PDB file of N, CA and C in Angstrom:
ATOM      1  N   UNK A   1      30.215  32.645  57.706  1.00  0.00           N
ATOM      2  CA  UNK A   1      29.475  32.034  58.801  1.00  0.00           C
ATOM      3  C   UNK A   1      29.466  30.564  58.658  1.00  0.00           C
ATOM      4  N   UNK A   2      29.786  29.849  59.664  1.00  0.00           N
ATOM      5  CA  UNK A   2      29.744  28.311  59.681  1.00  0.00           C
ATOM      6  C   UNK A   2      28.551  27.769  60.322  1.00  0.00           C
ATOM      7  N   UNK A   3      28.120  26.619  59.838  1.00  0.00           N
ATOM      8  CA  UNK A   3      27.029  25.906  60.406  1.00  0.00           C
ATOM      9  C   UNK A   3      27.562  24.785  61.214  1.00  0.00           C
ATOM     10  N   UNK A   4      27.238  24.672  62.520  1.00  0.00           N
ATOM     11  CA  UNK A   4      27.722  23.590  63.325  1.00  0.00           C
ATOM     12  C   UNK A   4      26.480  22.773  63.836  1.00  0.00           C
ATOM     13  N   UNK A   5      26.260  21.566  63.187  1.00  0.00           N
ATOM     14  CA  UNK A   5      25.033  20.840  63.582  1.00  0.00           C
ATOM     15  C   UNK A   5      25.190  20.225  64.988  1.00  0.00           C
ATOM     16  N   UNK A   6      24.012  20.077  65.619  1.00  0.00           N
ATOM     17  CA  UNK A   6      24.012  19.531  66.942  1.00  0.00           C
ATOM     18  C   UNK A   6      23.527  18.032  66.944  1.00  0.00           C
ATOM     19  N   UNK A   7      23.928  17.276  67.917  1.00  0.00           N
ATOM     20  CA  UNK A   7      23.512  15.849  68.089  1.00  0.00           C
ATOM     21  C   UNK A   7      23.909  15.064  66.811  1.00  0.00           C
ATOM     22  N   UNK A   8      22.878  14.337  66.302  1.00  0.00           N
ATOM     23  CA  UNK A   8      23.155  13.470  65.134  1.00  0.00           C
ATOM     24  C   UNK A   8      22.679  14.115  63.798  1.00  0.00           C
ATOM     25  N   UNK A   9      22.819  15.373  63.735  1.00  0.00           N
ATOM     26  CA  UNK A   9      22.368  16.115  62.505  1.00  0.00           C
ATOM     27  C   UNK A   9      23.575  16.284  61.603  1.00  0.00           C
ATOM     28  N   UNK A  10      23.289  16.379  60.318  1.00  0.00           N
ATOM     29  CA  UNK A  10      24.331  16.516  59.241  1.00  0.00           C
ATOM     30  C   UNK A  10      23.899  17.563  58.311  1.00  0.00           C
ATOM     31  N   UNK A  11      24.884  18.468  57.917  1.00  0.00           N
ATOM     32  CA  UNK A  11      24.601  19.503  56.966  1.00  0.00           C
ATOM     33  C   UNK A  11      25.056  19.053  55.563  1.00  0.00           C
ATOM     34  N   UNK A  12      24.192  19.170  54.607  1.00  0.00           N
ATOM     35  CA  UNK A  12      24.453  18.637  53.260  1.00  0.00           C
ATOM     36  C   UNK A  12      24.362  19.794  52.254  1.00  0.00           C
ATOM     37  N   UNK A  13      25.175  19.714  51.218  1.00  0.00           N
ATOM     38  CA  UNK A  13      25.126  20.585  50.123  1.00  0.00           C
ATOM     39  C   UNK A  13      24.868  19.815  48.871  1.00  0.00           C
ATOM     40  N   UNK A  14      23.742  20.144  48.150  1.00  0.00           N
ATOM     41  CA  UNK A  14      23.327  19.307  46.989  1.00  0.00           C
ATOM     42  C   UNK A  14      24.349  19.281  45.905  1.00  0.00           C
ATOM     43  N   UNK A  15      24.516  18.119  45.332  1.00  0.00           N
ATOM     44  CA  UNK A  15      25.388  17.985  44.136  1.00  0.00           C
ATOM     45  C   UNK A  15      24.490  18.472  42.935  1.00  0.00           C
ATOM     46  N   UNK A  16      25.116  19.243  42.125  1.00  0.00           N
ATOM     47  CA  UNK A  16      24.360  19.862  40.934  1.00  0.00           C
ATOM     48  C   UNK A  16      23.578  18.756  40.166  1.00  0.00           C
ATOM     49  N   UNK A  17      22.374  19.016  39.851  1.00  0.00           N
ATOM     50  CA  UNK A  17      21.475  18.142  39.028  1.00  0.00           C
ATOM     51  C   UNK A  17      21.944  18.174  37.589  1.00  0.00           C
ATOM     52  N   UNK A  18      21.664  17.031  36.898  1.00  0.00           N
ATOM     53  CA  UNK A  18      21.982  16.958  35.493  1.00  0.00           C
ATOM     54  C   UNK A  18      21.081  17.981  34.721  1.00  0.00           C
ATOM     55  N   UNK A  19      21.711  18.710  33.821  1.00  0.00           N
ATOM     56  CA  UNK A  19      20.903  19.621  33.038  1.00  0.00           C
ATOM     57  C   UNK A  19      20.497  18.996  31.715  1.00  0.00           C
ATOM     58  N   UNK A  20      21.022  17.799  31.371  1.00  0.00           N
ATOM     59  CA  UNK A  20      20.680  17.133  30.090  1.00  0.00           C
ATOM     60  C   UNK A  20      20.235  15.691  30.459  1.00  0.00           C
ATOM     61  N   UNK A  21      19.264  15.124  29.762  1.00  0.00           N
ATOM     62  CA  UNK A  21      18.936  13.775  29.939  1.00  0.00           C
ATOM     63  C   UNK A  21      19.962  12.840  29.141  1.00  0.00           C
ATOM     64  N   UNK A  22      19.904  11.582  29.298  1.00  0.00           N
ATOM     65  CA  UNK A  22      20.833  10.727  28.567  1.00  0.00           C
ATOM     66  C   UNK A  22      20.643  10.848  27.085  1.00  0.00           C
ATOM     67  N   UNK A  23      19.412  11.191  26.647  1.00  0.00           N
ATOM     68  CA  UNK A  23      19.133  11.265  25.232  1.00  0.00           C
ATOM     69  C   UNK A  23      19.573  12.678  24.699  1.00  0.00           C
ATOM     70  N   UNK A  24      20.106  13.545  25.549  1.00  0.00           N
ATOM     71  CA  UNK A  24      20.588  14.848  25.106  1.00  0.00           C
ATOM     72  C   UNK A  24      19.591  15.942  25.154  1.00  0.00           C
ATOM     73  N   UNK A  25      18.412  15.755  25.823  1.00  0.00           N
ATOM     74  CA  UNK A  25      17.410  16.775  25.924  1.00  0.00           C
ATOM     75  C   UNK A  25      17.823  17.729  27.115  1.00  0.00           C
ATOM     76  N   UNK A  26      17.805  19.005  26.889  1.00  0.00           N
ATOM     77  CA  UNK A  26      18.273  19.962  27.911  1.00  0.00           C
ATOM     78  C   UNK A  26      16.976  20.278  28.733  1.00  0.00           C
ATOM     79  N   UNK A  27      17.180  20.137  30.046  1.00  0.00           N
ATOM     80  CA  UNK A  27      16.091  20.388  30.958  1.00  0.00           C
ATOM     81  C   UNK A  27      16.093  21.789  31.538  1.00  0.00           C
ATOM     82  N   UNK A  28      14.956  22.452  31.670  1.00  0.00           N
ATOM     83  CA  UNK A  28      14.879  23.773  32.320  1.00  0.00           C
ATOM     84  C   UNK A  28      14.935  23.516  33.836  1.00  0.00           C
ATOM     85  N   UNK A  29      15.252  24.587  34.539  1.00  0.00           N
ATOM     86  CA  UNK A  29      15.312  24.476  36.043  1.00  0.00           C
ATOM     87  C   UNK A  29      14.020  23.960  36.600  1.00  0.00           C
ATOM     88  N   UNK A  30      12.905  24.298  35.984  1.00  0.00           N
ATOM     89  CA  UNK A  30      11.627  23.903  36.562  1.00  0.00           C
ATOM     90  C   UNK A  30      11.422  22.356  36.386  1.00  0.00           C
ATOM     91  N   UNK A  31      11.978  21.847  35.330  1.00  0.00           N
ATOM     92  CA  UNK A  31      11.800  20.469  34.943  1.00  0.00           C
ATOM     93  C   UNK A  31      12.697  19.517  35.696  1.00  0.00           C
ATOM     94  N   UNK A  32      13.815  20.032  36.357  1.00  0.00           N
ATOM     95  CA  UNK A  32      14.722  19.221  37.005  1.00  0.00           C
ATOM     96  C   UNK A  32      14.244  18.795  38.429  1.00  0.00           C
ATOM     97  N   UNK A  33      14.534  17.468  38.693  1.00  0.00           N
ATOM     98  CA  UNK A  33      14.100  17.031  40.010  1.00  0.00           C
ATOM     99  C   UNK A  33      15.103  17.583  41.094  1.00  0.00           C
ATOM    100  N   UNK A  34      14.592  17.626  42.301  1.00  0.00           N
ATOM    101  CA  UNK A  34      15.425  17.933  43.424  1.00  0.00           C
ATOM    102  C   UNK A  34      16.529  16.856  43.597  1.00  0.00           C
ATOM    103  N   UNK A  35      17.832  17.255  43.592  1.00  0.00           N
ATOM    104  CA  UNK A  35      18.792  16.144  43.730  1.00  0.00           C
ATOM    105  C   UNK A  35      18.732  15.399  45.004  1.00  0.00           C
ATOM    106  N   UNK A  36      18.978  14.117  44.917  1.00  0.00           N
ATOM    107  CA  UNK A  36      18.927  13.286  46.086  1.00  0.00           C
ATOM    108  C   UNK A  36      20.355  12.966  46.573  1.00  0.00           C
ATOM    109  N   UNK A  37      21.341  13.236  45.738  1.00  0.00           N
ATOM    110  CA  UNK A  37      22.759  13.101  46.123  1.00  0.00           C
ATOM    111  C   UNK A  37      23.301  14.421  46.587  1.00  0.00           C
ATOM    112  N   UNK A  38      23.968  14.324  47.751  1.00  0.00           N
ATOM    113  CA  UNK A  38      24.559  15.541  48.342  1.00  0.00           C
ATOM    114  C   UNK A  38      25.838  15.233  49.010  1.00  0.00           C
ATOM    115  N   UNK A  39      26.631  16.296  49.225  1.00  0.00           N
ATOM    116  CA  UNK A  39      27.915  16.099  49.894  1.00  0.00           C
ATOM    117  C   UNK A  39      27.789  16.589  51.326  1.00  0.00           C
ATOM    118  N   UNK A  40      28.403  15.839  52.240  1.00  0.00           N
ATOM    119  CA  UNK A  40      28.339  16.217  53.671  1.00  0.00           C
ATOM    120  C   UNK A  40      29.396  17.324  53.860  1.00  0.00           C
ATOM    121  N   UNK A  41      28.915  18.491  54.441  1.00  0.00           N
ATOM    122  CA  UNK A  41      29.882  19.564  54.755  1.00  0.00           C
ATOM    123  C   UNK A  41      30.043  19.814  56.230  1.00  0.00           C
ATOM    124  N   UNK A  42      29.191  19.218  57.073  1.00  0.00           N
ATOM    125  CA  UNK A  42      29.386  19.349  58.502  1.00  0.00           C
ATOM    126  C   UNK A  42      28.660  18.260  59.164  1.00  0.00           C
ATOM    127  N   UNK A  43      29.214  17.758  60.317  1.00  0.00           N
ATOM    128  CA  UNK A  43      28.634  16.589  61.000  1.00  0.00           C
ATOM    129  C   UNK A  43      28.592  16.910  62.526  1.00  0.00           C
ATOM    130  N   UNK A  44      27.462  16.614  63.177  1.00  0.00           N
ATOM    131  CA  UNK A  44      27.372  16.843  64.561  1.00  0.00           C
ATOM    132  C   UNK A  44      28.182  15.775  65.345  1.00  0.00           C
ATOM    133  N   UNK A  45      28.245  15.951  66.691  1.00  0.00           N
ATOM    134  CA  UNK A  45      29.048  15.020  67.475  1.00  0.00           C
ATOM    135  C   UNK A  45      28.438  13.564  67.615  1.00  0.00           C
ATOM    136  N   UNK A  46      27.129  13.469  67.357  1.00  0.00           N
ATOM    137  CA  UNK A  46      26.419  12.152  67.527  1.00  0.00           C
ATOM    138  C   UNK A  46      25.336  12.255  68.582  1.00  0.00           C
ATOM    139  N   UNK A  47      24.431  11.345  68.577  1.00  0.00           N
ATOM    140  CA  UNK A  47      23.378  11.310  69.549  1.00  0.00           C
ATOM    141  C   UNK A  47      23.794  10.528  70.767  1.00  0.00           C
ATOM    142  N   UNK A  48      23.020  10.604  71.855  1.00  0.00           N
ATOM    143  CA  UNK A  48      23.329   9.855  73.023  1.00  0.00           C
ATOM    144  C   UNK A  48      22.193   8.819  73.266  1.00  0.00           C
ATOM    145  N   UNK A  49      22.605   7.653  73.763  1.00  0.00           N
ATOM    146  CA  UNK A  49      21.638   6.629  74.027  1.00  0.00           C
ATOM    147  C   UNK A  49      21.091   6.853  75.395  1.00  0.00           C
ATOM    148  N   UNK A  50      20.192   5.966  75.882  1.00  0.00           N
ATOM    149  CA  UNK A  50      19.484   6.107  77.134  1.00  0.00           C
ATOM    150  C   UNK A  50      20.430   6.165  78.324  1.00  0.00           C
ATOM    151  N   UNK A  51      21.580   5.666  78.208  1.00  0.00           N
ATOM    152  CA  UNK A  51      22.566   5.664  79.346  1.00  0.00           C
ATOM    153  C   UNK A  51      23.503   6.852  79.289  1.00  0.00           C
ATOM    154  N   UNK A  52      23.377   7.701  78.274  1.00  0.00           N
ATOM    155  CA  UNK A  52      24.282   8.877  78.060  1.00  0.00           C
ATOM    156  C   UNK A  52      25.449   8.619  77.258  1.00  0.00           C
ATOM    157  N   UNK A  53      25.603   7.412  76.740  1.00  0.00           N
ATOM    158  CA  UNK A  53      26.793   7.121  75.923  1.00  0.00           C
ATOM    159  C   UNK A  53      26.687   7.725  74.514  1.00  0.00           C
ATOM    160  N   UNK A  54      27.750   8.277  74.030  1.00  0.00           N
ATOM    161  CA  UNK A  54      27.737   8.891  72.718  1.00  0.00           C
ATOM    162  C   UNK A  54      27.720   7.847  71.612  1.00  0.00           C
ATOM    163  N   UNK A  55      26.767   7.977  70.697  1.00  0.00           N
ATOM    164  CA  UNK A  55      26.728   7.056  69.548  1.00  0.00           C
ATOM    165  C   UNK A  55      27.473   7.760  68.440  1.00  0.00           C
ATOM    166  N   UNK A  56      28.628   7.207  67.990  1.00  0.00           N
ATOM    167  CA  UNK A  56      29.357   7.965  66.954  1.00  0.00           C
ATOM    168  C   UNK A  56      28.630   8.021  65.606  1.00  0.00           C
ATOM    169  N   UNK A  57      28.944   9.049  64.841  1.00  0.00           N
ATOM    170  CA  UNK A  57      28.380   9.265  63.562  1.00  0.00           C
ATOM    171  C   UNK A  57      29.057   8.295  62.451  1.00  0.00           C
ATOM    172  N   UNK A  58      28.248   7.935  61.502  1.00  0.00           N
ATOM    173  CA  UNK A  58      28.698   6.991  60.465  1.00  0.00           C
ATOM    174  C   UNK A  58      29.142   7.668  59.204  1.00  0.00           C
ATOM    175  N   UNK A  59      28.821   8.964  59.113  1.00  0.00           N
ATOM    176  CA  UNK A  59      29.269   9.778  57.936  1.00  0.00           C
ATOM    177  C   UNK A  59      30.350  10.754  58.399  1.00  0.00           C
ATOM    178  N   UNK A  60      31.128  11.207  57.346  1.00  0.00           N
ATOM    179  CA  UNK A  60      32.113  12.206  57.650  1.00  0.00           C
ATOM    180  C   UNK A  60      32.099  13.245  56.597  1.00  0.00           C
ATOM    181  N   UNK A  61      32.722  14.384  56.826  1.00  0.00           N
ATOM    182  CA  UNK A  61      32.799  15.507  55.910  1.00  0.00           C
ATOM    183  C   UNK A  61      33.404  14.988  54.605  1.00  0.00           C
ATOM    184  N   UNK A  62      32.776  15.393  53.477  1.00  0.00           N
ATOM    185  CA  UNK A  62      33.294  14.991  52.144  1.00  0.00           C
ATOM    186  C   UNK A  62      32.614  13.772  51.652  1.00  0.00           C
ATOM    187  N   UNK A  63      31.858  12.960  52.413  1.00  0.00           N
ATOM    188  CA  UNK A  63      31.114  11.837  51.883  1.00  0.00           C
ATOM    189  C   UNK A  63      30.050  12.340  50.978  1.00  0.00           C
ATOM    190  N   UNK A  64      29.683  11.531  49.919  1.00  0.00           N
ATOM    191  CA  UNK A  64      28.562  11.753  49.080  1.00  0.00           C
ATOM    192  C   UNK A  64      27.507  10.779  49.555  1.00  0.00           C
ATOM    193  N   UNK A  65      26.292  11.297  49.824  1.00  0.00           N
ATOM    194  CA  UNK A  65      25.234  10.483  50.347  1.00  0.00           C
ATOM    195  C   UNK A  65      23.953  10.691  49.569  1.00  0.00           C
ATOM    196  N   UNK A  66      23.057   9.741  49.722  1.00  0.00           N
ATOM    197  CA  UNK A  66      21.739   9.783  49.149  1.00  0.00           C
ATOM    198  C   UNK A  66      20.691   9.941  50.309  1.00  0.00           C
ATOM    199  N   UNK A  67      19.891  10.921  50.153  1.00  0.00           N
ATOM    200  CA  UNK A  67      18.881  11.173  51.095  1.00  0.00           C
ATOM    201  C   UNK A  67      17.426  11.000  50.533  1.00  0.00           C
ATOM    202  N   UNK A  68      16.450  10.932  51.359  1.00  0.00           N
ATOM    203  CA  UNK A  68      15.053  10.888  50.899  1.00  0.00           C
ATOM    204  C   UNK A  68      14.734  12.155  50.174  1.00  0.00           C
ATOM    205  N   UNK A  69      13.773  12.190  49.226  1.00  0.00           N
ATOM    206  CA  UNK A  69      13.460  13.314  48.446  1.00  0.00           C
ATOM    207  C   UNK A  69      12.962  14.494  49.187  1.00  0.00           C
ATOM    208  N   UNK A  70      12.262  14.323  50.213  1.00  0.00           N
ATOM    209  CA  UNK A  70      11.696  15.444  50.977  1.00  0.00           C
ATOM    210  C   UNK A  70      12.152  15.552  52.446  1.00  0.00           C
ATOM    211  N   UNK A  71      13.280  14.952  52.683  1.00  0.00           N
ATOM    212  CA  UNK A  71      13.775  14.940  54.099  1.00  0.00           C
ATOM    213  C   UNK A  71      14.669  16.179  54.369  1.00  0.00           C
ATOM    214  N   UNK A  72      14.676  16.572  55.672  1.00  0.00           N
ATOM    215  CA  UNK A  72      15.490  17.640  56.069  1.00  0.00           C
ATOM    216  C   UNK A  72      14.912  19.063  56.037  1.00  0.00           C
ATOM    217  N   UNK A  73      15.598  20.017  56.485  1.00  0.00           N
ATOM    218  CA  UNK A  73      15.232  21.412  56.481  1.00  0.00           C
ATOM    219  C   UNK A  73      16.247  22.130  55.658  1.00  0.00           C
ATOM    220  N   UNK A  74      15.670  22.902  54.728  1.00  0.00           N
ATOM    221  CA  UNK A  74      16.513  23.691  53.794  1.00  0.00           C
ATOM    222  C   UNK A  74      16.822  25.099  54.439  1.00  0.00           C
ATOM    223  N   UNK A  75      18.083  25.459  54.337  1.00  0.00           N
ATOM    224  CA  UNK A  75      18.474  26.785  54.885  1.00  0.00           C
ATOM    225  C   UNK A  75      19.412  27.411  53.810  1.00  0.00           C
ATOM    226  N   UNK A  76      19.366  28.741  53.712  1.00  0.00           N
ATOM    227  CA  UNK A  76      20.229  29.477  52.807  1.00  0.00           C
ATOM    228  C   UNK A  76      21.162  30.377  53.635  1.00  0.00           C
ATOM    229  N   UNK A  77      22.482  30.247  53.437  1.00  0.00           N
ATOM    230  CA  UNK A  77      23.460  31.047  54.135  1.00  0.00           C
ATOM    231  C   UNK A  77      24.502  31.476  53.170  1.00  0.00           C
ATOM    232  N   UNK A  78      24.781  32.818  53.131  1.00  0.00           N
ATOM    233  CA  UNK A  78      25.799  33.370  52.292  1.00  0.00           C
ATOM    234  C   UNK A  78      25.585  32.987  50.830  1.00  0.00           C
ATOM    235  N   UNK A  79      24.325  32.947  50.391  1.00  0.00           N
ATOM    236  CA  UNK A  79      24.008  32.568  49.007  1.00  0.00           C
ATOM    237  C   UNK A  79      24.064  31.169  48.638  1.00  0.00           C
ATOM    238  N   UNK A  80      24.333  30.257  49.590  1.00  0.00           N
ATOM    239  CA  UNK A  80      24.470  28.837  49.280  1.00  0.00           C
ATOM    240  C   UNK A  80      23.353  28.105  50.000  1.00  0.00           C
ATOM    241  N   UNK A  81      22.677  27.175  49.361  1.00  0.00           N
ATOM    242  CA  UNK A  81      21.593  26.401  49.975  1.00  0.00           C
ATOM    243  C   UNK A  81      22.184  25.117  50.598  1.00  0.00           C
ATOM    244  N   UNK A  82      21.753  24.864  51.821  1.00  0.00           N
ATOM    245  CA  UNK A  82      22.124  23.642  52.536  1.00  0.00           C
ATOM    246  C   UNK A  82      20.863  22.971  52.996  1.00  0.00           C
ATOM    247  N   UNK A  83      20.994  21.700  53.278  1.00  0.00           N
ATOM    248  CA  UNK A  83      19.915  20.931  53.861  1.00  0.00           C
ATOM    249  C   UNK A  83      20.435  20.257  55.204  1.00  0.00           C
ATOM    250  N   UNK A  84      19.732  20.445  56.239  1.00  0.00           N
ATOM    251  CA  UNK A  84      20.134  19.862  57.541  1.00  0.00           C
ATOM    252  C   UNK A  84      19.211  18.642  57.773  1.00  0.00           C
ATOM    253  N   UNK A  85      19.805  17.392  57.934  1.00  0.00           N
ATOM    254  CA  UNK A  85      19.044  16.225  58.148  1.00  0.00           C
ATOM    255  C   UNK A  85      19.584  15.470  59.360  1.00  0.00           C
ATOM    256  N   UNK A  86      18.745  14.560  59.920  1.00  0.00           N
ATOM    257  CA  UNK A  86      19.209  13.697  60.962  1.00  0.00           C
ATOM    258  C   UNK A  86      20.005  12.543  60.215  1.00  0.00           C
ATOM    259  N   UNK A  87      20.875  11.953  60.884  1.00  0.00           N
ATOM    260  CA  UNK A  87      21.748  10.924  60.257  1.00  0.00           C
ATOM    261  C   UNK A  87      20.772   9.742  59.811  1.00  0.00           C
ATOM    262  N   UNK A  88      19.738   9.548  60.465  1.00  0.00           N
ATOM    263  CA  UNK A  88      18.758   8.449  60.072  1.00  0.00           C
ATOM    264  C   UNK A  88      18.058   8.756  58.742  1.00  0.00           C
ATOM    265  N   UNK A  89      18.077  10.021  58.330  1.00  0.00           N
ATOM    266  CA  UNK A  89      17.442  10.360  57.013  1.00  0.00           C
ATOM    267  C   UNK A  89      18.345  10.082  55.844  1.00  0.00           C
ATOM    268  N   UNK A  90      19.598   9.723  56.084  1.00  0.00           N
ATOM    269  CA  UNK A  90      20.562   9.428  55.061  1.00  0.00           C
ATOM    270  C   UNK A  90      20.343   7.946  54.721  1.00  0.00           C
ATOM    271  N   UNK A  91      20.099   7.652  53.454  1.00  0.00           N
ATOM    272  CA  UNK A  91      19.799   6.285  53.026  1.00  0.00           C
ATOM    273  C   UNK A  91      21.041   5.498  52.678  1.00  0.00           C
ATOM    274  N   UNK A  92      22.055   6.164  52.171  1.00  0.00           N
ATOM    275  CA  UNK A  92      23.293   5.422  51.728  1.00  0.00           C
ATOM    276  C   UNK A  92      24.401   6.396  51.442  1.00  0.00           C
ATOM    277  N   UNK A  93      25.636   5.839  51.500  1.00  0.00           N
ATOM    278  CA  UNK A  93      26.880   6.556  51.119  1.00  0.00           C
ATOM    279  C   UNK A  93      27.246   6.073  49.785  1.00  0.00           C
ATOM    280  N   UNK A  94      27.556   7.049  48.891  1.00  0.00           N
ATOM    281  CA  UNK A  94      27.983   6.725  47.525  1.00  0.00           C
ATOM    282  C   UNK A  94      29.517   6.642  47.505  1.00  0.00           C
ATOM    283  N   UNK A  95      30.036   5.555  46.907  1.00  0.00           N
ATOM    284  CA  UNK A  95      31.491   5.453  46.759  1.00  0.00           C
ATOM    285  C   UNK A  95      31.910   5.908  45.401  1.00  0.00           C
TER     286      UNK A  95
END
């Protein structure tokens, strides 16, 4: 089953969180923070302005992005967790 976002929404898949700290301490799942870096897996067509003109999306499938910690709606499909956010909830693209 595919997710097709509408308007200026983006479907993200979280990049796996680090299981170890830089000092080598292994973190349990409960101690790990929610990852803020995610990969774009689907992009909507874009929003429309007041005159009906399509505003193009700035991100594309495959981009790695940083989002706010508590932004978006989490959904689980086929055993995989995704987050659906508006493009404005994306803070930056990671190169």
